[in-house]
Structures are given as C-alpha cells and as structure tokens.
C-alpha cells in the first residue's frame, strides 16, 4: 500500500514520522484538539508515543494515519482510516486540521484523497465517519467528500459533562465521486477537529 498520496490543491498525505514531534505538539496544544487522542499529547514523550502508536497500528493493518502536508511542507492536519475491519472490508474515517489550516478546504481535500486510497490501496468497500451534530463544518467536509448521511446516534459522546448526538455518514466504493469539488472556504474560522 502506498504510504504517500497526492491530494488536490498541492496537499500530500504521508505516514507520520519521528521528525513530526514538534508539529504534533503544536497541533495538540490547540484547545479545540482536546479529546482527539486517548491520552493528552502535552510533552515530547507523549508526542513520540502518539507517532509510534500510529506507526504500530499501520504496520499491524489496524489503522492508517496520514499527516496532511501543505505545499510549503508544513503539517496542517491528519486524516485516518481506522479502525479497519477486514472481515467486512470497512473502515472509520476521521480528520482534524491545525488552527492555521482551518477554513482553507484542507479537511475536505484530505478526506477525498484518503477515501480513494482506502478503496484502491486498502481494498475497503465501505467507509464510515461521524461528527457531533453541533459541528456543521465537519458535516460540510463529509458531504463534500462524498459521504452520505445515514443516521444519528443519540448522546453518543460526552465532553465536559455534556452529551452530544453524532450524525453518521458513509461512502461505498461504488459511490459517485463528488464533482466539482465544492469549496469549504469560510469567512470565519470555524472549529475543524473531528470526533
């Protein structure tokens, strides 16, 4: 399987590497990123563990995490397929962007590219994703990347003592690729981390 994928707009998806520690720490320092990892990523050691876990999961075929790199070589986000269920050829897609990348269509382009990779390289049939219903930006990304709405999970997630419904989306290998690529550019910077 390819571990580097070109996406539209000059973006590149590639496996995380040890040299990304500083970028990972910067990304997770953003308060909007709280909850995007099972443990806080608040030190060099935690960032190293996070990157190593991404590599271990890739090598085991459990999940595939890509750093999203812009045309200037900066890490501007992550897109991930995992966990992967080989029995049913399915995978869960998630994504986040750094504060500096929000509002530029990065998540949409990365999500479209990773979906094509998941179908072509990982040979998956169905991709799923979900977002809190109070995150319309994530919904726009999912729809623009060809993920159809399939339903709602009531009060699935809890953050700071508040429960949130999650809207479910899915894309199948034979679904039409959205065209032309819709703009996800917004005049205000809306939160883009995903769960």
Protein backbone atom coordinates (compact mmCIF):
# COMPACT_ATOMS: atom_id res chain seq x y z
CA UNK A 1 0.00 0.00 0.00
CA UNK A 2 1.16 3.50 -0.76
CA UNK A 3 2.19 5.49 2.30
CA UNK A 4 2.23 8.76 0.36
CA UNK A 5 -0.75 10.15 -1.57
CA UNK A 6 -1.06 13.35 -3.56
CA UNK A 7 -4.27 15.29 -2.93
CA UNK A 8 -5.69 18.26 -4.77
CA UNK A 9 -4.50 21.78 -4.07
CA UNK A 10 -0.89 20.75 -3.50
CA UNK A 11 -1.59 18.69 -0.38
CA UNK A 12 0.27 15.46 0.31
CA UNK A 13 -0.79 12.70 2.69
CA UNK A 14 2.08 10.71 4.19
CA UNK A 15 2.76 8.47 7.15
CA UNK A 16 3.70 10.19 10.37
CA UNK A 17 7.43 10.16 11.11
CA UNK A 18 9.63 10.77 14.13
CA UNK A 19 10.57 14.22 12.86
CA UNK A 20 6.94 15.34 13.25
CA UNK A 21 7.11 15.58 17.06
CA UNK A 22 7.12 19.39 17.13
CA UNK A 23 4.20 19.60 14.66
CA UNK A 24 2.19 17.09 16.71
CA UNK A 25 2.82 19.01 19.93
CA UNK A 26 1.80 22.29 18.27
CA UNK A 27 -1.39 20.74 16.88
CA UNK A 28 -2.43 19.23 20.20
CA UNK A 29 -1.69 22.46 22.11
CA UNK A 30 -4.81 23.91 20.47
CA UNK A 31 -7.70 23.74 23.00
CA UNK A 32 -10.01 22.54 20.19
CA UNK A 33 -7.88 19.39 19.90
CA UNK A 34 -8.67 18.22 23.41
CA UNK A 35 -10.29 14.81 23.11
CA UNK A 36 -8.66 13.94 19.79
CA UNK A 37 -6.31 11.48 21.50
CA UNK A 38 -6.85 8.82 24.13
CA UNK A 39 -4.19 10.48 26.28
CA UNK A 40 -3.03 14.10 26.45
CA UNK A 41 -0.30 14.94 23.91
CA UNK A 42 1.39 17.58 26.04
CA UNK A 43 5.07 16.64 26.03
CA UNK A 44 7.78 15.45 23.68
CA UNK A 45 7.44 11.95 25.12
CA UNK A 46 3.66 11.94 24.63
CA UNK A 47 4.06 13.12 21.02
CA UNK A 48 6.65 10.40 20.40
CA UNK A 49 4.27 7.77 21.83
CA UNK A 50 1.42 9.12 19.69
CA UNK A 51 3.52 8.92 16.49
CA UNK A 52 4.83 5.46 17.43
CA UNK A 53 1.27 4.22 18.02
CA UNK A 54 0.25 5.49 14.57
CA UNK A 55 3.16 3.52 13.07
CA UNK A 56 2.42 0.37 15.06
CA UNK A 57 -1.25 0.43 14.03
CA UNK A 58 -0.27 0.92 10.38
CA UNK A 59 2.19 -1.97 10.48
CA UNK A 60 -0.44 -4.22 12.07
CA UNK A 61 -3.08 -3.24 9.47
CA UNK A 62 -5.39 -1.90 12.17
CA UNK A 63 -5.47 1.79 11.19
CA UNK A 64 -3.79 4.08 8.69
CA UNK A 65 -2.95 7.61 9.88
CA UNK A 66 -1.66 10.18 7.43
CA UNK A 67 -0.09 13.53 8.20
CA UNK A 68 -1.52 16.15 5.84
CA UNK A 69 1.28 18.30 4.43
CA UNK A 70 0.76 21.59 2.58
CA UNK A 71 2.72 22.85 -0.42
CA UNK A 72 5.19 24.56 1.94
CA UNK A 73 5.99 21.27 3.71
CA UNK A 74 4.08 22.08 6.91
CA UNK A 75 1.90 19.59 8.76
CA UNK A 76 -1.62 21.05 8.56
CA UNK A 77 -3.68 18.12 9.78
CA UNK A 78 -4.35 14.42 9.92
CA UNK A 79 -6.67 12.07 8.12
CA UNK A 80 -7.08 8.49 9.30
CA UNK A 81 -8.80 5.28 8.29
CA UNK A 82 -9.24 3.11 11.34
CA UNK A 83 -10.12 1.01 12.94
CA UNK A 84 -10.28 -1.25 9.90
CA UNK A 85 -12.50 -4.34 9.91
CA UNK A 86 -11.06 -6.75 7.32
CA UNK A 87 -13.89 -9.26 7.78
CA UNK A 88 -16.39 -6.74 6.43
CA UNK A 89 -13.96 -4.52 4.44
CA UNK A 90 -14.93 -1.39 6.37
CA UNK A 91 -13.05 1.47 7.93
CA UNK A 92 -13.79 4.53 10.07
CA UNK A 93 -12.56 7.89 8.73
CA UNK A 94 -11.56 10.78 10.97
CA UNK A 95 -9.75 14.04 10.35
CA UNK A 96 -8.52 17.18 12.01
CA UNK A 97 -6.71 20.32 10.89
CA UNK A 98 -4.37 22.70 12.62
CA UNK A 99 -5.60 26.15 13.59
CA UNK A 100 -3.67 27.77 10.73
CA UNK A 101 -5.26 25.44 8.13
CA UNK A 102 -8.90 25.86 9.10
CA UNK A 103 -11.19 27.42 6.54
CA UNK A 104 -8.96 26.52 3.56
CA UNK A 105 -10.63 23.28 2.43
CA UNK A 106 -7.78 21.12 3.77
CA UNK A 107 -10.01 18.59 5.56
CA UNK A 108 -12.23 18.12 2.52
CA UNK A 109 -9.33 17.55 0.10
CA UNK A 110 -7.59 15.20 2.55
CA UNK A 111 -10.80 13.25 3.22
CA UNK A 112 -11.48 12.82 -0.51
CA UNK A 113 -7.92 11.61 -1.09
CA UNK A 114 -7.89 9.16 1.81
CA UNK A 115 -11.23 7.72 0.71
CA UNK A 116 -9.86 6.97 -2.75
CA UNK A 117 -6.73 5.47 -1.14
CA UNK A 118 -8.85 3.31 1.19
CA UNK A 119 -10.81 1.89 -1.74
CA UNK A 120 -7.85 1.45 -4.11
CA UNK A 121 -4.95 0.56 -1.81
CA UNK A 122 -6.55 -0.84 1.34
CA UNK A 123 -9.28 -2.57 -0.71
CA UNK A 124 -12.09 -1.47 1.57
CA UNK A 125 -15.73 -1.50 0.47
CA UNK A 126 -17.35 0.88 2.97
CA UNK A 127 -16.06 3.92 4.85
CA UNK A 128 -17.90 5.46 7.77
CA UNK A 129 -17.49 8.66 9.74
CA UNK A 130 -19.37 10.60 12.36
CA UNK A 131 -19.42 14.11 13.77
CA UNK A 132 -21.11 15.88 16.63
CA UNK A 133 -24.32 17.49 15.41
CA UNK A 134 -23.09 20.83 16.76
CA UNK A 135 -20.19 20.73 14.27
CA UNK A 136 -21.65 21.83 10.91
CA UNK A 137 -18.16 22.37 9.45
CA UNK A 138 -17.43 18.66 9.79
CA UNK A 139 -20.76 17.85 8.17
CA UNK A 140 -19.83 20.04 5.17
CA UNK A 141 -16.50 18.21 4.87
CA UNK A 142 -18.16 14.79 4.98
CA UNK A 143 -20.76 15.68 2.36
CA UNK A 144 -18.22 17.35 0.06
CA UNK A 145 -16.07 14.21 0.28
CA UNK A 146 -18.99 12.06 -0.87
CA UNK A 147 -20.15 10.66 2.47
CA UNK A 148 -23.95 10.34 2.58
CA UNK A 149 -25.88 10.91 5.81
CA UNK A 150 -27.15 7.61 7.22
CA UNK A 151 -28.48 8.42 10.65
CA UNK A 152 -27.93 9.70 14.14
CA UNK A 153 -26.56 8.18 17.32
CA UNK A 154 -28.23 9.83 20.26
CA UNK A 155 -25.98 11.21 23.02
CA UNK A 156 -23.02 9.08 21.94
CA UNK A 157 -20.21 11.42 23.04
CA UNK A 158 -19.58 13.27 26.28
CA UNK A 159 -17.35 16.33 26.62
CA UNK A 160 -17.12 18.32 29.86
CA UNK A 161 -20.28 16.70 31.23
CA UNK A 162 -22.38 17.46 28.12
CA UNK A 163 -23.66 14.65 25.88
CA UNK A 164 -23.77 15.09 22.10
CA UNK A 165 -25.63 13.33 19.31
CA UNK A 166 -23.47 12.11 16.42
CA UNK A 167 -24.55 12.20 12.79
CA UNK A 168 -23.33 9.18 10.82
CA UNK A 169 -22.12 9.30 7.22
CA UNK A 170 -20.84 6.58 4.88
CA UNK A 171 -19.32 6.21 1.44
CA UNK A 172 -19.22 3.00 -0.59
CA UNK A 173 -16.59 2.05 -3.15
CA UNK A 174 -19.12 2.41 -5.99
CA UNK A 175 -20.50 5.80 -4.90
CA UNK A 176 -20.02 8.67 -7.31
CA UNK A 177 -17.13 10.98 -6.54
CA UNK A 178 -18.49 14.47 -5.86
CA UNK A 179 -17.67 16.81 -8.71
CA UNK A 180 -16.73 19.55 -8.97
CA UNK A 181 -15.00 19.80 -5.61
CA UNK A 182 -17.17 22.12 -3.51
CA UNK A 183 -15.49 24.96 -1.73
CA UNK A 184 -15.30 24.59 2.04
CA UNK A 185 -13.76 28.03 2.44
CA UNK A 186 -15.45 30.11 5.11
CA UNK A 187 -15.06 33.74 6.01
CA UNK A 188 -14.80 32.91 9.72
CA UNK A 189 -12.58 30.29 11.25
CA UNK A 190 -14.87 27.56 12.49
CA UNK A 191 -13.58 24.62 14.55
CA UNK A 192 -12.39 21.68 12.42
CA UNK A 193 -11.21 18.92 14.80
CA UNK A 194 -13.29 15.77 14.38
CA UNK A 195 -14.73 13.10 16.60
